[in-house]
């Protein structure tokens, strides 16, 4: 790739880094990097903690109008094309992956975003979670390649 090609992608990359950092700060402020808070949301019988529901509602309130605005545009502000999902079907790998994700989320109290943020903050359990997640991703890729 030429230097010109890299320069053209710089605004895209910087925007992605800035938005990822903003997302991470939001996770920290909202307490979503604390596994106990997530588990508290999932345990309806033991002092239910509704914080996660409020964080989700806030995310939907911000993202729904932005998604509607995005769908009306022919191209993104800083890119050549949108990278939106096109598949709408359900298959066994998707269902199994969602089930594994849900069980892992319930057991660990972390999902990838908060896990990475907590690992970046130096949380030992989160570092283990991210390491296990990366191993799982590598195994999944290896299995897909063998098919």
C-alpha atoms as a PDB file:
ATOM      1  CA  UNK A   1       0.000   0.000   0.000  1.00  0.00           C
ATOM      2  CA  UNK A   2       1.376   3.413  -0.904  1.00  0.00           C
ATOM      3  CA  UNK A   3       1.823   6.262   1.541  1.00  0.00           C
ATOM      4  CA  UNK A   4      -1.098   8.032  -0.158  1.00  0.00           C
ATOM      5  CA  UNK A   5      -3.334   5.005   0.538  1.00  0.00           C
ATOM      6  CA  UNK A   6      -2.372   5.054   4.210  1.00  0.00           C
ATOM      7  CA  UNK A   7      -2.962   8.797   4.474  1.00  0.00           C
ATOM      8  CA  UNK A   8      -6.459   8.378   3.028  1.00  0.00           C
ATOM      9  CA  UNK A   9      -7.334   5.869   5.762  1.00  0.00           C
ATOM     10  CA  UNK A  10      -5.870   7.957   8.595  1.00  0.00           C
ATOM     11  CA  UNK A  11      -9.116   9.861   9.370  1.00  0.00           C
ATOM     12  CA  UNK A  12     -10.999   6.547   9.448  1.00  0.00           C
ATOM     13  CA  UNK A  13      -8.465   4.984  11.784  1.00  0.00           C
ATOM     14  CA  UNK A  14      -8.287   8.016  14.089  1.00  0.00           C
ATOM     15  CA  UNK A  15     -12.077   8.149  14.278  1.00  0.00           C
ATOM     16  CA  UNK A  16     -12.229   4.446  15.146  1.00  0.00           C
ATOM     17  CA  UNK A  17      -9.612   4.905  17.881  1.00  0.00           C
ATOM     18  CA  UNK A  18     -11.411   7.956  19.310  1.00  0.00           C
ATOM     19  CA  UNK A  19     -14.807   6.241  19.303  1.00  0.00           C
ATOM     20  CA  UNK A  20     -13.333   3.077  20.827  1.00  0.00           C
ATOM     21  CA  UNK A  21     -11.764   5.170  23.592  1.00  0.00           C
ATOM     22  CA  UNK A  22     -15.082   6.975  24.158  1.00  0.00           C
ATOM     23  CA  UNK A  23     -16.836   3.600  24.379  1.00  0.00           C
ATOM     24  CA  UNK A  24     -14.252   2.381  26.894  1.00  0.00           C
ATOM     25  CA  UNK A  25     -14.641   5.502  29.033  1.00  0.00           C
ATOM     26  CA  UNK A  26     -18.409   5.025  28.943  1.00  0.00           C
ATOM     27  CA  UNK A  27     -18.018   1.430  30.116  1.00  0.00           C
ATOM     28  CA  UNK A  28     -15.768   2.544  32.967  1.00  0.00           C
ATOM     29  CA  UNK A  29     -18.077   5.383  34.069  1.00  0.00           C
ATOM     30  CA  UNK A  30     -21.169   3.168  33.928  1.00  0.00           C
ATOM     31  CA  UNK A  31     -19.493   0.413  35.935  1.00  0.00           C
ATOM     32  CA  UNK A  32     -19.924  -2.170  33.176  1.00  0.00           C
ATOM     33  CA  UNK A  33     -16.330  -3.346  33.588  1.00  0.00           C
ATOM     34  CA  UNK A  34     -17.291  -4.668  37.032  1.00  0.00           C
ATOM     35  CA  UNK A  35     -18.391  -8.298  36.603  1.00  0.00           C
ATOM     36  CA  UNK A  36     -20.369  -8.135  39.862  1.00  0.00           C
ATOM     37  CA  UNK A  37     -22.608  -5.456  38.360  1.00  0.00           C
ATOM     38  CA  UNK A  38     -23.384  -7.572  35.301  1.00  0.00           C
ATOM     39  CA  UNK A  39     -23.984 -10.702  37.381  1.00  0.00           C
ATOM     40  CA  UNK A  40     -26.201  -8.580  39.653  1.00  0.00           C
ATOM     41  CA  UNK A  41     -28.325  -7.764  36.610  1.00  0.00           C
ATOM     42  CA  UNK A  42     -28.599 -11.421  35.637  1.00  0.00           C
ATOM     43  CA  UNK A  43     -29.515 -12.640  39.147  1.00  0.00           C
ATOM     44  CA  UNK A  44     -33.152 -11.652  39.484  1.00  0.00           C
ATOM     45  CA  UNK A  45     -33.589 -13.372  42.840  1.00  0.00           C
ATOM     46  CA  UNK A  46     -30.710 -11.726  44.764  1.00  0.00           C
ATOM     47  CA  UNK A  47     -30.924  -7.928  44.927  1.00  0.00           C
ATOM     48  CA  UNK A  48     -31.335  -7.292  41.214  1.00  0.00           C
ATOM     49  CA  UNK A  49     -29.118  -4.447  39.900  1.00  0.00           C
ATOM     50  CA  UNK A  50     -30.870  -2.615  37.005  1.00  0.00           C
ATOM     51  CA  UNK A  51     -27.777  -0.582  36.010  1.00  0.00           C
ATOM     52  CA  UNK A  52     -27.114  -2.665  32.896  1.00  0.00           C
ATOM     53  CA  UNK A  53     -30.686  -2.087  31.689  1.00  0.00           C
ATOM     54  CA  UNK A  54     -30.195   1.688  31.994  1.00  0.00           C
ATOM     55  CA  UNK A  55     -26.875   1.510  30.140  1.00  0.00           C
ATOM     56  CA  UNK A  56     -28.498  -0.535  27.354  1.00  0.00           C
ATOM     57  CA  UNK A  57     -31.447   1.872  27.139  1.00  0.00           C
ATOM     58  CA  UNK A  58     -29.043   4.809  26.902  1.00  0.00           C
ATOM     59  CA  UNK A  59     -27.057   3.090  24.157  1.00  0.00           C
ATOM     60  CA  UNK A  60     -30.230   2.363  22.189  1.00  0.00           C
ATOM     61  CA  UNK A  61     -31.437   5.958  22.615  1.00  0.00           C
ATOM     62  CA  UNK A  62     -28.172   7.273  21.180  1.00  0.00           C
ATOM     63  CA  UNK A  63     -27.682   4.663  18.450  1.00  0.00           C
ATOM     64  CA  UNK A  64     -31.213   4.282  17.046  1.00  0.00           C
ATOM     65  CA  UNK A  65     -31.365   7.788  15.524  1.00  0.00           C
ATOM     66  CA  UNK A  66     -27.767   7.480  14.300  1.00  0.00           C
ATOM     67  CA  UNK A  67     -28.518   4.158  12.614  1.00  0.00           C
ATOM     68  CA  UNK A  68     -31.582   5.669  10.919  1.00  0.00           C
ATOM     69  CA  UNK A  69     -29.452   8.589   9.719  1.00  0.00           C
ATOM     70  CA  UNK A  70     -26.745   6.178   8.513  1.00  0.00           C
ATOM     71  CA  UNK A  71     -29.205   4.112   6.484  1.00  0.00           C
ATOM     72  CA  UNK A  72     -30.301   7.252   4.600  1.00  0.00           C
ATOM     73  CA  UNK A  73     -26.738   8.007   3.494  1.00  0.00           C
ATOM     74  CA  UNK A  74     -25.111   6.549   0.390  1.00  0.00           C
ATOM     75  CA  UNK A  75     -21.658   6.369   2.027  1.00  0.00           C
ATOM     76  CA  UNK A  76     -20.030   7.101   5.391  1.00  0.00           C
ATOM     77  CA  UNK A  77     -18.444  10.443   6.206  1.00  0.00           C
ATOM     78  CA  UNK A  78     -14.919   9.002   6.414  1.00  0.00           C
ATOM     79  CA  UNK A  79     -14.985   5.893   4.270  1.00  0.00           C
ATOM     80  CA  UNK A  80     -15.705   4.535   0.846  1.00  0.00           C
ATOM     81  CA  UNK A  81     -18.562   2.271   1.955  1.00  0.00           C
ATOM     82  CA  UNK A  82     -20.507   1.079   4.970  1.00  0.00           C
ATOM     83  CA  UNK A  83     -19.642  -2.226   6.612  1.00  0.00           C
ATOM     84  CA  UNK A  84     -23.110  -3.256   7.782  1.00  0.00           C
ATOM     85  CA  UNK A  85     -24.218  -6.870   8.161  1.00  0.00           C
ATOM     86  CA  UNK A  86     -26.167  -8.229   5.224  1.00  0.00           C
ATOM     87  CA  UNK A  87     -27.100 -11.739   6.414  1.00  0.00           C
ATOM     88  CA  UNK A  88     -30.470 -12.141   8.071  1.00  0.00           C
ATOM     89  CA  UNK A  89     -30.647 -15.918   8.468  1.00  0.00           C
ATOM     90  CA  UNK A  90     -30.029 -18.010  11.560  1.00  0.00           C
ATOM     91  CA  UNK A  91     -27.736 -20.999  11.311  1.00  0.00           C
ATOM     92  CA  UNK A  92     -26.322 -23.476  13.803  1.00  0.00           C
ATOM     93  CA  UNK A  93     -22.941 -21.721  14.251  1.00  0.00           C
ATOM     94  CA  UNK A  94     -24.712 -18.434  15.045  1.00  0.00           C
ATOM     95  CA  UNK A  95     -27.072 -20.040  17.573  1.00  0.00           C
ATOM     96  CA  UNK A  96     -24.270 -22.045  19.221  1.00  0.00           C
ATOM     97  CA  UNK A  97     -21.998 -18.994  19.308  1.00  0.00           C
ATOM     98  CA  UNK A  98     -24.740 -16.890  20.895  1.00  0.00           C
ATOM     99  CA  UNK A  99     -25.378 -19.591  23.492  1.00  0.00           C
ATOM    100  CA  UNK A 100     -21.675 -19.906  24.340  1.00  0.00           C
ATOM    101  CA  UNK A 101     -21.402 -16.113  24.530  1.00  0.00           C
ATOM    102  CA  UNK A 102     -24.398 -15.895  26.865  1.00  0.00           C
ATOM    103  CA  UNK A 103     -23.162 -18.633  29.173  1.00  0.00           C
ATOM    104  CA  UNK A 104     -19.690 -17.105  29.284  1.00  0.00           C
ATOM    105  CA  UNK A 105     -21.132 -13.646  29.927  1.00  0.00           C
ATOM    106  CA  UNK A 106     -23.255 -14.965  32.764  1.00  0.00           C
ATOM    107  CA  UNK A 107     -20.378 -16.912  34.331  1.00  0.00           C
ATOM    108  CA  UNK A 108     -17.628 -14.311  33.939  1.00  0.00           C
ATOM    109  CA  UNK A 109     -19.748 -11.157  34.111  1.00  0.00           C
ATOM    110  CA  UNK A 110     -17.754  -9.810  31.164  1.00  0.00           C
ATOM    111  CA  UNK A 111     -18.227  -9.629  27.436  1.00  0.00           C
ATOM    112  CA  UNK A 112     -15.526  -8.576  24.944  1.00  0.00           C
ATOM    113  CA  UNK A 113     -15.852  -4.768  25.201  1.00  0.00           C
ATOM    114  CA  UNK A 114     -15.833  -4.464  28.985  1.00  0.00           C
ATOM    115  CA  UNK A 115     -13.336  -7.321  29.219  1.00  0.00           C
ATOM    116  CA  UNK A 116     -10.812  -5.508  27.049  1.00  0.00           C
ATOM    117  CA  UNK A 117     -11.341  -2.235  28.946  1.00  0.00           C
ATOM    118  CA  UNK A 118     -10.956  -3.968  32.334  1.00  0.00           C
ATOM    119  CA  UNK A 119      -7.867  -5.836  31.083  1.00  0.00           C
ATOM    120  CA  UNK A 120      -6.408  -2.524  29.927  1.00  0.00           C
ATOM    121  CA  UNK A 121      -7.006  -1.202  33.438  1.00  0.00           C
ATOM    122  CA  UNK A 122      -4.958  -4.123  34.801  1.00  0.00           C
ATOM    123  CA  UNK A 123      -7.683  -6.425  36.138  1.00  0.00           C
ATOM    124  CA  UNK A 124      -6.229  -9.921  36.534  1.00  0.00           C
ATOM    125  CA  UNK A 125      -9.525 -11.771  35.952  1.00  0.00           C
ATOM    126  CA  UNK A 126     -10.179  -9.623  32.880  1.00  0.00           C
ATOM    127  CA  UNK A 127      -6.720 -10.406  31.508  1.00  0.00           C
ATOM    128  CA  UNK A 128      -7.553 -14.103  31.881  1.00  0.00           C
ATOM    129  CA  UNK A 129     -10.924 -13.537  30.216  1.00  0.00           C
ATOM    130  CA  UNK A 130      -9.347 -11.735  27.243  1.00  0.00           C
ATOM    131  CA  UNK A 131      -6.681 -14.443  26.910  1.00  0.00           C
ATOM    132  CA  UNK A 132      -9.386 -17.144  26.882  1.00  0.00           C
ATOM    133  CA  UNK A 133     -11.396 -15.103  24.363  1.00  0.00           C
ATOM    134  CA  UNK A 134      -8.391 -14.829  22.043  1.00  0.00           C
ATOM    135  CA  UNK A 135      -7.739 -18.570  22.302  1.00  0.00           C
ATOM    136  CA  UNK A 136     -11.405 -19.225  21.486  1.00  0.00           C
ATOM    137  CA  UNK A 137     -11.198 -16.938  18.455  1.00  0.00           C
ATOM    138  CA  UNK A 138      -8.041 -18.696  17.241  1.00  0.00           C
ATOM    139  CA  UNK A 139      -9.619 -22.139  17.666  1.00  0.00           C
ATOM    140  CA  UNK A 140     -12.738 -20.994  15.794  1.00  0.00           C
ATOM    141  CA  UNK A 141     -10.636 -19.685  12.894  1.00  0.00           C
ATOM    142  CA  UNK A 142      -8.608 -22.895  12.772  1.00  0.00           C
ATOM    143  CA  UNK A 143     -11.774 -25.025  12.684  1.00  0.00           C
ATOM    144  CA  UNK A 144     -13.255 -22.855   9.917  1.00  0.00           C
ATOM    145  CA  UNK A 145     -10.058 -23.156   7.866  1.00  0.00           C
ATOM    146  CA  UNK A 146     -10.120 -26.959   8.126  1.00  0.00           C
ATOM    147  CA  UNK A 147     -13.644 -27.103   6.668  1.00  0.00           C
END
